[in-house]
Amino acid sequence: MRIGIDVGGTNTDAVLLNGNTVVAAVKAATSEDVTSGIVTALGQLRQQHDFAPDHIDAVMIGTTHFINALVEASRLAPTAALRLGLPATAALPPLVGWPERLVQAINGRGFLAHGGHEFDGREISPLDPDEIRRIAGEMAAAGVTSVAVSSVFSPVNSDFERAAAEILTAELGDDVPISLSHQIGRIGLLERENATIINAALRHLAEGIVTGLSASIAGEGIAAPLFLSQNDGTLMDVEFARRYPVATFASGPTNSMRGAAVLSGETTCAVVDVGGTTSDVGVLTAGFPREATVEVSVAGVRTNFRMPDVLSVGIGGGSRVRGHDGRAPTVGPDSVGYRLTQQARVFGGDELTATDLAVAAGRADIGDRSQVAGLEKSFVTAVLDRISTDVADAVDRMRMSDEPLPVVAVGGGSILLPDEFPGLGPVLRPENFSVANAIGAAIAQVGGEVDRVFAIAPGQRDAVVDEARQDAVDRAVAAGADPRTVSIVDFDEVPIPYLPGNATRIRCKAVGDLQIDRADTRALAGNGPGVGGGVGR
C-alpha cells in the first residue's frame, strides 16, 4: 500500500492506495506550518481505515513549502551567483531582471569569471583557479551561505562547473552548499542561471523542511521511504529534494492532472483543478502534463526548468465574493485560504465565499445551509455563471486545435463548475475527484530526461537519436524505475540552423514505475541516488 499526500493552500489531502484502488481518503485544513497539517491528515486517514505501518511501501508528498517561500521572499539564504563565461556574457550580469525585493531577500551578489564552452564543447576561455579562490574570499566576507554556479553551455560540457564547485567547497567549507546549473536547468544561460540561484537560495530551507517531513512520517511509525513529487509528475527521494527544492514548484497541479488521468481513464484531456484559492487548467498528453515550451516566470524571475503548461485563474472554493450589496459581483482573486472552515458563512464566519454560493445553489451539502438562505437567487446564479465563463475561457485558451478535448474536473472546489461548458462539452467528475491531487502523488512514476545540443555528422542521425533515447532510459533506471516498465513518453528534435555543425537540440524523456523491494525499504529511505533523474544528472 502507498500513501499519497498533497499540501494545498487551503487543504491537505491524503489517500491510502492499495494498488490503484483508493482505500481511504481525507481532507484536512492546511496548517500555517504545513507539517502539522500533514500529521493531522495522517491521523484522520488511520481513523478512516486503520493500517499497520509496516504495510506501507512508500509515502509520496506534493508540497507548497518551497514555492511559498519564494513568493513570500522569506526564509531564503544569503546567496551568491558565479557565472563562468568571461570574456563573453559580461553585458548581462547574474541577477539581471530580478525583482529588487527578491535580490534583497537573498542578499544576492553576482560574480563573473573566465570559463564556459561553445555549443560543441570548445572552450571559450580556460578556468582560472586563482580567480575562483579570490571570488570565494569575497563571498565569505559578504556572509554568503549558499552558491549557484553557472557556465555557458554547461548542459553540453559540465567540467568547468564541477571544477569550480570543488574549489569553492575547499575555500568555503562543506557547510556552504553549491548548486550547479547543468543539474537544474536547460539550454538558455540566463534562465538556467536564474533557476539555479533560486535553488541555491532554498537549499538551507530544504534541509529543515525535508527533515521535518521525514520526522512527521516517522512519528506515525511509518518506516517506508518518503518521496516528493516533481514538476513533471515524477518522483524524487528526500536526499534529491534536499539538493533540488526547485523541482517541487509545480507539483500541486501536476499531481492533480496525473490523478485525473488515473481516475477518469482519459490520457489526453484538459484538466481543471479547482482548489481553495485558484483554478489550474492544464492539458494531459499520453497521461502526462504538457510541458511549457517557453521560459516560465516564477515570482517574477524567468527560469527554464521543467514546468507543466498551466494557466491559473484566481477562482477557488475560498475565493471572496463581493457585490451582494448591489454592486457588480466579483469573485476573487483573494481567498480566505486554509481559514475557509472558520471564515466562510456556512461554517459560521462572516466572509462570503464561492463555497457559500455552491451551497446556496444546491451544488454542495456542507456546513449550515441556513446561513446562506437569504442570498438572492439571481445573485447566486450570476456569480456561478461568471465562474463558469472564466474557467471555460481558460480551458479554451489551453487548446492547441479545434479538435474535441474532454474536460475532467478535480479538486474539492470543482463543485463550483457546471455539468457542461458551452461549446466544450460535458465536464467529467470521476469518483474521488476531490482528492485527485493526493492520488496523483501516490501513483507517480520515476523519470529520466536528456536535453542536449548534438552536433550530428552526416549519416549519424539515427545513432545519435538512439544514444539520447538510451541515455534517458538509463537515467530513469538509475533513479529507481523498474527497467521492465520504462518507456519513452516524450521526444523532441529541433535543428538549430544558426549554429554550425548540423547542431540539433534533442529532448527525450523516459518514465517507469517506482521499483521498491520491501526487504530494502528501510535502506531506500533517504539513501537512494535521487529519484527523478530528469532534473539533470
Protein backbone atom coordinates (compact mmCIF):
# COMPACT_ATOMS: atom_id res chain seq x y z
CA MET A 1 0.00 0.00 0.00
CA ARG A 2 1.01 3.60 -0.58
CA ILE A 3 0.09 6.90 1.00
CA GLY A 4 -0.22 10.00 -1.18
CA ILE A 5 -0.34 13.49 0.35
CA ASP A 6 -0.78 16.84 -1.37
CA VAL A 7 -0.42 20.10 0.53
CA GLY A 8 -2.51 22.90 -0.94
CA GLY A 9 -3.08 26.47 0.13
CA THR A 10 -6.42 25.52 1.73
CA ASN A 11 -6.48 21.76 2.31
CA THR A 12 -4.01 18.95 2.86
CA ASP A 13 -5.34 15.84 1.14
CA ALA A 14 -4.25 12.31 1.95
CA VAL A 15 -5.16 8.96 0.39
CA LEU A 16 -4.36 5.35 1.15
CA LEU A 17 -3.99 3.26 -2.01
CA ASN A 18 -3.85 -0.49 -2.44
CA GLY A 19 -2.51 -0.73 -5.98
CA ASN A 20 -4.64 1.85 -7.81
CA THR A 21 -7.65 1.31 -5.53
CA VAL A 22 -8.49 4.11 -3.09
CA VAL A 23 -8.95 2.52 0.34
CA ALA A 24 -9.33 5.77 2.31
CA ALA A 25 -9.28 9.49 1.53
CA VAL A 26 -9.37 12.55 3.80
CA LYS A 27 -9.16 16.33 3.65
CA ALA A 28 -7.63 18.31 6.49
CA ALA A 29 -7.11 22.05 6.75
CA THR A 30 -3.58 23.08 5.80
CA SER A 31 -1.77 24.38 8.86
CA GLU A 32 0.34 27.52 8.88
CA ASP A 33 3.49 25.44 9.43
CA VAL A 34 2.22 22.84 6.87
CA THR A 35 3.94 19.92 8.61
CA SER A 36 1.44 19.65 11.48
CA GLY A 37 -1.36 19.62 8.88
CA ILE A 38 0.26 16.54 7.35
CA VAL A 39 0.31 14.84 10.76
CA THR A 40 -3.37 15.66 11.21
CA ALA A 41 -4.22 14.24 7.78
CA LEU A 42 -2.34 11.02 8.53
CA GLY A 43 -4.21 10.67 11.81
CA GLN A 44 -7.57 11.09 10.08
CA LEU A 45 -6.53 8.62 7.40
CA ARG A 46 -5.81 6.00 10.05
CA GLN A 47 -9.14 6.69 11.75
CA GLN A 48 -10.97 6.10 8.47
CA HIS A 49 -9.08 2.90 7.67
CA ASP A 50 -6.65 1.55 10.23
CA PHE A 51 -3.45 0.21 8.74
CA ALA A 52 -0.28 -1.35 10.04
CA PRO A 53 2.69 1.00 9.47
CA ASP A 54 4.83 -1.86 8.13
CA HIS A 55 2.25 -2.47 5.38
CA ILE A 56 3.06 0.90 3.79
CA ASP A 57 5.51 0.55 0.91
CA ALA A 58 6.07 4.27 0.28
CA VAL A 59 4.81 7.75 1.10
CA MET A 60 4.60 10.41 -1.63
CA ILE A 61 4.14 14.10 -0.83
CA GLY A 62 3.46 17.10 -3.03
CA THR A 63 4.25 20.26 -1.10
CA THR A 64 3.96 24.03 -1.48
CA HIS A 65 6.69 24.80 1.08
CA PHE A 66 9.30 26.00 -1.38
CA ILE A 67 7.24 27.95 -3.89
CA ASN A 68 5.54 29.73 -0.98
CA ALA A 69 8.90 30.72 0.50
CA LEU A 70 9.99 32.22 -2.83
CA VAL A 71 6.72 34.06 -3.48
CA GLU A 72 6.75 35.45 0.06
CA ALA A 73 10.50 36.23 -0.19
CA SER A 74 11.03 34.70 3.24
CA ARG A 75 13.40 32.17 4.80
CA LEU A 76 15.84 32.45 1.87
CA ALA A 77 19.60 32.05 2.30
CA PRO A 78 22.21 34.75 1.51
CA THR A 79 23.21 33.61 -1.98
CA ALA A 80 25.99 34.31 -4.47
CA ALA A 81 25.86 33.60 -8.19
CA LEU A 82 29.09 32.74 -10.01
CA ARG A 83 28.99 32.68 -13.80
CA LEU A 84 31.81 31.17 -15.86
CA GLY A 85 31.98 32.76 -19.30
CA LEU A 86 34.36 35.72 -19.47
CA PRO A 87 35.20 37.43 -21.70
CA ALA A 88 31.70 36.67 -23.06
CA THR A 89 28.36 37.37 -21.28
CA ALA A 90 29.59 40.38 -19.27
CA ALA A 91 26.88 42.67 -20.70
CA LEU A 92 24.15 40.93 -18.66
CA PRO A 93 25.49 40.01 -15.20
CA PRO A 94 23.89 37.48 -12.83
CA LEU A 95 20.59 38.54 -11.19
CA VAL A 96 19.75 40.87 -14.10
CA GLY A 97 15.99 41.40 -14.31
CA TRP A 98 15.28 40.10 -10.80
CA PRO A 99 12.70 41.93 -8.65
CA GLU A 100 14.57 44.10 -6.18
CA ARG A 101 12.73 42.63 -3.20
CA LEU A 102 13.99 39.16 -4.08
CA VAL A 103 17.55 40.36 -4.58
CA GLN A 104 17.40 41.90 -1.13
CA ALA A 105 15.76 38.81 0.37
CA ILE A 106 18.70 36.64 -0.69
CA ASN A 107 21.28 39.41 -0.22
CA GLY A 108 22.15 38.50 -3.80
CA ARG A 109 25.63 39.01 -5.20
CA GLY A 110 26.81 38.21 -8.71
CA PHE A 111 30.33 37.32 -9.83
CA LEU A 112 31.84 36.78 -13.29
CA ALA A 113 34.86 34.58 -14.02
CA HIS A 114 36.61 33.07 -17.02
CA GLY A 115 35.47 29.75 -18.43
CA GLY A 116 32.49 28.45 -20.38
CA HIS A 117 32.13 26.42 -23.58
CA GLU A 118 30.70 26.74 -27.05
CA PHE A 119 27.73 24.54 -28.00
CA ASP A 120 30.07 21.88 -29.41
CA GLY A 121 32.21 21.69 -26.25
CA ARG A 122 35.06 24.01 -27.29
CA GLU A 123 36.34 26.28 -24.51
CA ILE A 124 35.53 29.99 -24.51
CA SER A 125 38.42 30.53 -22.12
CA PRO A 126 40.29 28.37 -19.59
CA LEU A 127 39.13 28.18 -16.00
CA ASP A 128 41.37 30.21 -13.66
CA PRO A 129 41.56 28.53 -10.20
CA ASP A 130 43.18 31.60 -8.60
CA GLU A 131 40.33 33.75 -9.86
CA ILE A 132 37.81 31.37 -8.31
CA ARG A 133 39.68 31.41 -4.99
CA ARG A 134 39.69 35.22 -4.95
CA ILE A 135 35.95 35.28 -5.59
CA ALA A 136 35.41 32.69 -2.84
CA GLY A 137 37.15 35.05 -0.44
CA GLU A 138 34.78 37.86 -1.41
CA MET A 139 31.82 35.55 -0.93
CA ALA A 140 32.96 34.57 2.55
CA ALA A 141 33.48 38.22 3.51
CA ALA A 142 29.93 39.01 2.36
CA GLY A 143 28.42 36.28 4.55
CA VAL A 144 27.26 34.08 1.67
CA THR A 145 25.85 30.73 2.85
CA SER A 146 24.82 29.21 -0.50
CA VAL A 147 26.30 29.45 -4.01
CA ALA A 148 24.92 28.98 -7.53
CA VAL A 149 27.42 28.20 -10.30
CA SER A 150 26.55 28.53 -13.97
CA SER A 151 28.74 28.13 -17.04
CA VAL A 152 28.00 28.87 -20.68
CA PHE A 153 26.63 25.72 -22.36
CA SER A 154 27.25 23.60 -19.25
CA PRO A 155 24.50 21.11 -20.30
CA VAL A 156 26.90 20.25 -23.14
CA ASN A 157 30.08 20.26 -21.03
CA SER A 158 29.83 20.49 -17.24
CA ASP A 159 33.56 20.16 -16.45
CA PHE A 160 34.08 23.82 -15.51
CA GLU A 161 31.08 23.93 -13.17
CA ARG A 162 32.28 20.82 -11.36
CA ALA A 163 35.85 22.11 -11.10
CA ALA A 164 34.68 25.49 -9.78
CA ALA A 165 32.47 23.74 -7.21
CA GLU A 166 35.44 21.77 -5.88
CA ILE A 167 37.47 24.96 -5.45
CA LEU A 168 34.60 26.80 -3.76
CA THR A 169 33.95 23.93 -1.35
CA ALA A 170 37.65 23.81 -0.44
CA GLU A 171 37.62 27.57 0.26
CA LEU A 172 34.18 27.98 1.86
CA GLY A 173 33.74 24.62 3.59
CA ASP A 174 31.22 21.81 3.31
CA ASP A 175 28.55 23.84 5.13
CA VAL A 176 28.05 26.08 2.07
CA PRO A 177 26.00 24.11 -0.49
CA ILE A 178 26.86 24.54 -4.17
CA SER A 179 24.12 24.34 -6.83
CA LEU A 180 25.27 23.63 -10.40
CA SER A 181 23.19 24.86 -13.32
CA HIS A 182 23.69 21.82 -15.57
CA GLN A 183 21.87 19.76 -12.95
CA ILE A 184 18.86 22.07 -12.80
CA GLY A 185 18.02 23.98 -15.99
CA ARG A 186 18.10 23.52 -19.73
CA ILE A 187 19.84 25.22 -22.63
CA GLY A 188 19.50 29.01 -22.20
CA LEU A 189 22.05 30.70 -19.96
CA LEU A 190 20.09 33.39 -18.09
CA GLU A 191 17.00 31.27 -17.42
CA ARG A 192 19.10 28.29 -16.34
CA GLU A 193 21.22 30.53 -14.13
CA ASN A 194 18.13 32.06 -12.53
CA ALA A 195 16.69 28.64 -11.73
CA THR A 196 20.00 27.68 -10.13
CA ILE A 197 20.11 30.82 -8.00
CA ILE A 198 16.57 30.13 -6.76
CA ASN A 199 17.57 26.57 -5.93
CA ALA A 200 20.62 27.80 -4.01
CA ALA A 201 18.54 30.29 -2.03
CA LEU A 202 16.25 27.44 -0.91
CA ARG A 203 18.90 24.87 -0.01
CA HIS A 204 19.05 25.58 3.74
CA LEU A 205 15.27 25.77 3.99
CA ALA A 206 15.04 22.46 2.13
CA GLU A 207 17.27 20.78 4.70
CA GLY A 208 14.95 21.76 7.54
CA ILE A 209 11.70 21.06 5.71
CA VAL A 210 12.70 17.66 4.38
CA THR A 211 13.91 16.67 7.84
CA GLY A 212 10.58 17.83 9.26
CA LEU A 213 8.56 15.90 6.67
CA SER A 214 10.59 12.76 7.34
CA ALA A 215 10.04 13.19 11.09
CA SER A 216 6.27 13.63 10.64
CA ILE A 217 6.10 10.33 8.74
CA ALA A 218 8.37 8.52 11.18
CA GLY A 219 6.30 9.89 14.07
CA GLU A 220 3.37 7.86 12.77
CA GLY A 221 5.52 4.72 12.97
CA ILE A 222 5.92 4.51 9.19
CA ALA A 223 9.40 3.36 8.16
CA ALA A 224 8.67 3.30 4.42
CA PRO A 225 10.69 5.58 2.13
CA LEU A 226 9.47 9.13 1.58
CA PHE A 227 9.35 10.68 -1.90
CA LEU A 228 8.44 14.16 -3.07
CA SER A 229 6.62 14.99 -6.29
CA GLN A 230 8.42 16.84 -9.05
CA ASN A 231 7.17 19.40 -11.55
CA ASP A 232 6.84 16.84 -14.35
CA GLY A 233 4.80 14.26 -12.44
CA THR A 234 7.72 12.02 -11.46
CA LEU A 235 9.27 11.37 -8.05
CA MET A 236 12.44 12.23 -6.18
CA ASP A 237 13.67 10.86 -2.88
CA VAL A 238 14.36 13.03 0.16
CA GLU A 239 18.09 13.41 -0.50
CA PHE A 240 17.37 14.61 -4.01
CA ALA A 241 14.79 17.06 -2.61
CA ARG A 242 17.40 18.48 -0.26
CA ARG A 243 19.63 19.30 -3.24
CA TYR A 244 16.95 20.39 -5.72
CA PRO A 245 13.98 22.04 -3.95
CA VAL A 246 13.03 23.95 -7.15
CA ALA A 247 11.92 20.64 -8.64
CA THR A 248 8.80 20.72 -6.41
CA PHE A 249 7.42 24.10 -7.53
CA ALA A 250 4.57 22.83 -9.74
CA SER A 251 3.93 19.52 -8.02
CA GLY A 252 0.41 20.57 -6.96
CA PRO A 253 -1.23 20.99 -10.38
CA THR A 254 0.91 18.19 -11.79
CA ASN A 255 -0.34 15.74 -9.18
CA SER A 256 -3.92 16.76 -9.87
CA MET A 257 -3.53 16.15 -13.59
CA ARG A 258 -1.91 12.76 -13.08
CA GLY A 259 -4.65 11.82 -10.62
CA ALA A 260 -7.30 12.95 -13.08
CA ALA A 261 -5.82 10.64 -15.73
CA VAL A 262 -5.99 7.63 -13.43
CA LEU A 263 -9.48 8.36 -12.09
CA SER A 264 -11.11 9.23 -15.42
CA GLY A 265 -9.26 6.86 -17.72
CA GLU A 266 -8.62 9.82 -20.06
CA THR A 267 -4.97 10.10 -21.12
CA THR A 268 -5.44 13.10 -23.43
CA CYS A 269 -7.74 15.74 -21.97
CA ALA A 270 -8.00 19.14 -20.34
CA VAL A 271 -7.90 19.05 -16.54
CA VAL A 272 -9.42 21.75 -14.36
CA ASP A 273 -8.18 21.55 -10.77
CA VAL A 274 -10.26 23.85 -8.58
CA GLY A 275 -8.70 24.31 -5.18
CA GLY A 276 -9.35 26.75 -2.40
CA THR A 277 -7.50 29.67 -3.98
CA THR A 278 -7.05 29.07 -7.71
CA SER A 279 -8.32 27.02 -10.63
CA ASP A 280 -5.41 25.47 -12.51
CA VAL A 281 -6.05 24.41 -16.10
CA GLY A 282 -3.65 22.06 -17.86
CA VAL A 283 -3.60 19.51 -20.65
CA LEU A 284 -2.66 15.85 -20.40
CA THR A 285 -0.88 14.22 -23.34
CA ALA A 286 -0.31 10.46 -23.13
CA GLY A 287 -1.14 10.65 -19.43
CA PHE A 288 1.46 13.29 -18.56
CA PRO A 289 1.11 17.07 -18.26
CA ARG A 290 2.03 19.03 -21.36
CA GLU A 291 5.20 20.95 -20.55
CA ALA A 292 5.64 24.67 -21.10
CA THR A 293 7.72 25.31 -24.22
CA VAL A 294 8.86 28.79 -23.24
CA GLU A 295 10.55 30.23 -20.20
CA VAL A 296 8.45 30.21 -17.04
CA SER A 297 8.26 33.20 -14.71
CA VAL A 298 8.38 32.22 -11.04
CA ALA A 299 7.87 35.06 -8.54
CA GLY A 300 8.89 37.48 -11.28
CA VAL A 301 12.06 35.59 -12.26
CA ARG A 302 12.48 33.99 -15.70
CA THR A 303 13.52 30.34 -15.50
CA ASN A 304 13.63 27.33 -17.81
CA PHE A 305 13.43 24.29 -15.61
CA ARG A 306 10.72 21.74 -16.34
CA MET A 307 7.26 23.10 -15.55
CA PRO A 308 3.83 21.99 -16.75
CA ASP A 309 1.93 24.27 -19.10
CA VAL A 310 -0.68 25.50 -16.63
CA LEU A 311 -2.98 28.51 -16.76
CA SER A 312 -4.13 29.65 -13.32
CA VAL A 313 -7.28 31.66 -12.64
CA GLY A 314 -7.87 33.32 -9.27
CA ILE A 315 -11.05 31.36 -8.57
CA GLY A 316 -11.38 28.71 -5.86
CA GLY A 317 -13.65 27.46 -3.13
CA GLY A 318 -12.27 30.04 -0.71
CA SER A 319 -12.45 32.99 -3.13
CA ARG A 320 -14.10 36.05 -1.60
CA VAL A 321 -17.30 37.11 -3.34
CA ARG A 322 -18.34 40.75 -3.47
CA GLY A 323 -21.33 42.55 -4.93
CA HIS A 324 -24.21 41.11 -2.92
CA ASP A 325 -24.84 44.64 -1.63
CA GLY A 326 -25.95 45.83 -5.06
CA ARG A 327 -22.57 46.29 -6.73
CA ALA A 328 -21.43 44.28 -9.74
CA PRO A 329 -20.50 40.78 -8.49
CA THR A 330 -16.83 39.81 -8.40
CA VAL A 331 -15.08 36.57 -7.41
CA GLY A 332 -11.51 36.55 -6.06
CA PRO A 333 -8.68 36.68 -6.76
CA ASP A 334 -8.17 36.94 -2.99
CA SER A 335 -9.14 33.92 -0.90
CA VAL A 336 -9.63 33.02 2.73
CA GLY A 337 -7.34 30.04 2.01
CA TYR A 338 -6.93 27.47 4.75
CA ARG A 339 -9.22 29.53 7.02
CA LEU A 340 -12.25 28.51 4.91
CA THR A 341 -13.77 26.39 7.69
CA GLN A 342 -13.57 29.33 10.10
CA GLN A 343 -14.45 32.30 7.88
CA ALA A 344 -16.98 31.06 5.28
CA ARG A 345 -20.62 31.79 6.13
CA VAL A 346 -21.75 28.17 6.00
CA PHE A 347 -19.18 27.45 8.71
CA GLY A 348 -20.29 30.32 10.94
CA GLY A 349 -17.94 33.00 9.64
CA ASP A 350 -18.74 36.40 8.14
CA GLU A 351 -16.94 36.14 4.76
CA LEU A 352 -19.00 35.38 1.66
CA THR A 353 -17.05 32.82 -0.38
CA ALA A 354 -17.55 30.84 -3.57
CA THR A 355 -18.25 27.77 -1.43
CA ASP A 356 -21.17 29.58 0.19
CA LEU A 357 -22.68 30.14 -3.26
CA ALA A 358 -22.21 26.49 -4.24
CA VAL A 359 -24.11 25.50 -1.09
CA ALA A 360 -26.83 28.11 -1.75
CA ALA A 361 -27.27 26.74 -5.28
CA GLY A 362 -27.56 23.16 -4.04
CA ARG A 363 -24.31 22.02 -5.67
CA ALA A 364 -22.81 21.07 -2.31
CA ASP A 365 -24.16 19.99 1.07
CA ILE A 366 -21.58 21.14 3.60
CA GLY A 367 -21.80 23.36 6.65
CA ASP A 368 -25.05 25.10 7.60
CA ARG A 369 -27.14 25.94 4.53
CA SER A 370 -29.39 28.22 6.56
CA GLN A 371 -26.55 30.73 6.79
CA VAL A 372 -26.87 31.47 3.04
CA ALA A 373 -30.60 31.03 2.63
CA GLY A 374 -31.08 34.80 2.38
CA LEU A 375 -28.93 35.24 -0.73
CA GLU A 376 -30.85 36.30 -3.82
CA LYS A 377 -31.13 33.50 -6.36
CA SER A 378 -30.31 35.87 -9.23
CA PHE A 379 -27.10 36.95 -7.49
CA VAL A 380 -26.04 33.33 -6.83
CA THR A 381 -26.75 32.39 -10.45
CA ALA A 382 -24.87 35.43 -11.81
CA VAL A 383 -21.74 34.67 -9.76
CA LEU A 384 -21.70 30.96 -10.64
CA ASP A 385 -22.21 31.81 -14.32
CA ARG A 386 -19.25 34.20 -14.09
CA ILE A 387 -17.10 31.44 -12.61
CA SER A 388 -18.19 29.03 -15.36
CA THR A 389 -17.40 31.54 -18.09
CA ASP A 390 -13.96 32.43 -16.73
CA VAL A 391 -12.92 28.79 -16.28
CA ALA A 392 -14.31 27.74 -19.67
CA ASP A 393 -12.37 30.58 -21.29
CA ALA A 394 -9.17 29.32 -19.61
CA VAL A 395 -9.82 25.79 -20.94
CA ASP A 396 -10.40 27.13 -24.45
CA ARG A 397 -7.15 29.12 -24.32
CA MET A 398 -5.22 25.95 -23.46
CA ARG A 399 -6.45 24.02 -26.51
CA MET A 400 -4.00 23.66 -29.38
CA SER A 401 -6.62 22.91 -32.04
CA ASP A 402 -10.36 22.86 -32.62
CA GLU A 403 -10.46 19.10 -32.07
CA PRO A 404 -12.78 17.98 -29.23
CA LEU A 405 -10.92 17.76 -25.93
CA PRO A 406 -12.54 16.03 -22.92
CA VAL A 407 -12.67 18.16 -19.77
CA VAL A 408 -12.05 16.50 -16.39
CA ALA A 409 -12.78 18.49 -13.23
CA VAL A 410 -11.00 17.60 -10.00
CA GLY A 411 -10.31 19.23 -6.65
CA GLY A 412 -12.74 20.00 -3.85
CA GLY A 413 -13.63 23.34 -5.42
CA SER A 414 -14.87 21.75 -8.66
CA ILE A 415 -18.37 21.81 -7.12
CA LEU A 416 -18.37 25.40 -8.43
CA LEU A 417 -18.38 24.21 -12.04
CA PRO A 418 -21.45 23.27 -14.11
CA ASP A 419 -22.03 19.83 -15.59
CA GLU A 420 -21.29 21.17 -19.07
CA PHE A 421 -19.25 24.00 -20.57
CA PRO A 422 -20.99 25.63 -23.57
CA GLY A 423 -19.02 24.82 -26.71
CA LEU A 424 -16.69 22.41 -24.88
CA GLY A 425 -18.98 19.58 -23.89
CA PRO A 426 -19.69 17.78 -20.61
CA VAL A 427 -17.50 18.15 -17.54
CA LEU A 428 -16.36 14.77 -16.20
CA ARG A 429 -16.11 14.36 -12.43
CA PRO A 430 -14.65 10.94 -11.65
CA GLU A 431 -15.03 9.18 -8.32
CA ASN A 432 -12.74 10.60 -5.63
CA PHE A 433 -12.27 13.75 -7.75
CA SER A 434 -11.81 15.92 -4.65
CA VAL A 435 -8.55 14.16 -3.70
CA ALA A 436 -7.15 13.63 -7.21
CA ASN A 437 -4.00 15.55 -6.26
CA ALA A 438 -3.11 13.12 -3.47
CA ILE A 439 -3.88 10.18 -5.77
CA GLY A 440 -1.60 11.69 -8.41
CA ALA A 441 1.20 11.86 -5.86
CA ALA A 442 0.67 8.26 -4.77
CA ILE A 443 0.78 6.81 -8.31
CA ALA A 444 3.63 8.99 -9.58
CA GLN A 445 6.37 7.30 -11.58
CA VAL A 446 10.11 7.78 -11.97
CA GLY A 447 11.63 9.69 -14.86
CA GLY A 448 14.86 10.36 -16.68
CA GLU A 449 15.42 13.09 -19.24
CA VAL A 450 18.03 14.17 -21.77
CA ASP A 451 18.09 17.74 -23.11
CA ARG A 452 21.24 18.43 -25.13
CA VAL A 453 22.52 20.05 -28.29
CA PHE A 454 24.19 17.44 -30.52
CA ALA A 455 26.49 18.07 -33.49
CA ILE A 456 25.17 15.41 -35.88
CA ALA A 457 27.59 14.25 -38.56
CA PRO A 458 26.18 13.22 -41.96
CA GLY A 459 24.58 9.79 -41.77
CA GLN A 460 24.74 9.66 -37.94
CA ARG A 461 21.28 10.96 -37.05
CA ASP A 462 19.80 7.54 -36.13
CA ALA A 463 22.81 6.67 -33.97
CA VAL A 464 22.57 10.00 -32.08
CA VAL A 465 18.82 9.59 -31.54
CA ASP A 466 19.31 6.04 -30.26
CA GLU A 467 22.01 7.30 -27.90
CA ALA A 468 19.72 10.01 -26.49
CA ARG A 469 16.85 7.55 -26.01
CA GLN A 470 19.05 5.02 -24.26
CA ASP A 471 20.54 7.73 -22.05
CA ALA A 472 17.05 8.79 -20.94
CA VAL A 473 16.12 5.18 -20.17
CA ASP A 474 19.35 4.64 -18.23
CA ARG A 475 18.70 7.77 -16.17
CA ALA A 476 15.20 6.59 -15.28
CA VAL A 477 16.51 3.19 -14.20
CA ALA A 478 19.32 4.78 -12.19
CA ALA A 479 16.71 6.96 -10.50
CA GLY A 480 14.79 3.90 -9.28
CA ALA A 481 12.47 2.86 -12.12
CA ASP A 482 11.68 -0.77 -12.78
CA PRO A 483 13.57 -1.49 -16.05
CA ARG A 484 10.68 -3.65 -17.26
CA THR A 485 8.26 -0.71 -17.19
CA VAL A 486 10.39 2.10 -18.64
CA SER A 487 9.24 3.66 -21.89
CA ILE A 488 9.84 6.86 -23.87
CA VAL A 489 6.90 9.24 -23.34
CA ASP A 490 8.24 12.40 -24.97
CA PHE A 491 10.70 13.05 -27.78
CA ASP A 492 11.52 16.34 -29.47
CA GLU A 493 14.15 17.03 -32.14
CA VAL A 494 14.77 20.64 -33.24
CA PRO A 495 17.55 21.64 -35.71
CA ILE A 496 19.35 24.87 -34.77
CA PRO A 497 20.25 26.49 -38.11
CA TYR A 498 22.18 29.42 -36.63
CA LEU A 499 24.81 27.10 -35.12
CA PRO A 500 27.43 25.27 -37.21
CA GLY A 501 27.99 21.54 -37.43
CA ASN A 502 24.38 20.50 -38.11
CA ALA A 503 23.51 21.32 -34.49
CA THR A 504 20.29 19.75 -33.23
CA ARG A 505 18.62 20.03 -29.85
CA ILE A 506 17.20 16.70 -28.68
CA ARG A 507 14.87 16.32 -25.72
CA CYS A 508 13.92 12.83 -24.67
CA LYS A 509 12.00 11.72 -21.58
CA ALA A 510 11.56 8.19 -20.23
CA VAL A 511 9.40 7.10 -17.29
CA GLY A 512 8.73 3.87 -15.45
CA ASP A 513 7.09 2.55 -12.30
CA LEU A 514 8.89 3.01 -9.00
CA GLN A 515 10.67 -0.19 -8.02
CA ILE A 516 10.54 -0.89 -4.29
CA ASP A 517 11.85 -4.08 -2.77
CA ARG A 518 10.00 -4.46 0.54
CA ALA A 519 13.07 -6.10 2.02
CA ASP A 520 15.10 -2.99 1.17
CA THR A 521 12.50 -0.41 2.17
CA ARG A 522 14.47 0.95 5.12
CA ALA A 523 17.68 1.20 3.11
CA LEU A 524 15.95 3.18 0.36
CA ALA A 525 14.70 5.90 2.68
CA GLY A 526 16.95 8.89 2.17
CA ASN A 527 19.83 6.90 0.74
CA GLY A 528 18.82 6.49 -2.89
CA PRO A 529 20.55 8.04 -5.85
CA GLY A 530 17.87 10.72 -6.22
CA VAL A 531 14.62 9.57 -7.75
CA GLY A 532 13.71 11.72 -10.72
CA GLY A 533 16.91 11.83 -12.69
CA GLY A 534 15.22 14.07 -15.22
CA VAL A 535 16.18 17.11 -13.15
CA GLY A 536 19.55 16.76 -14.80
CA ARG A 537 22.12 14.38 -13.56
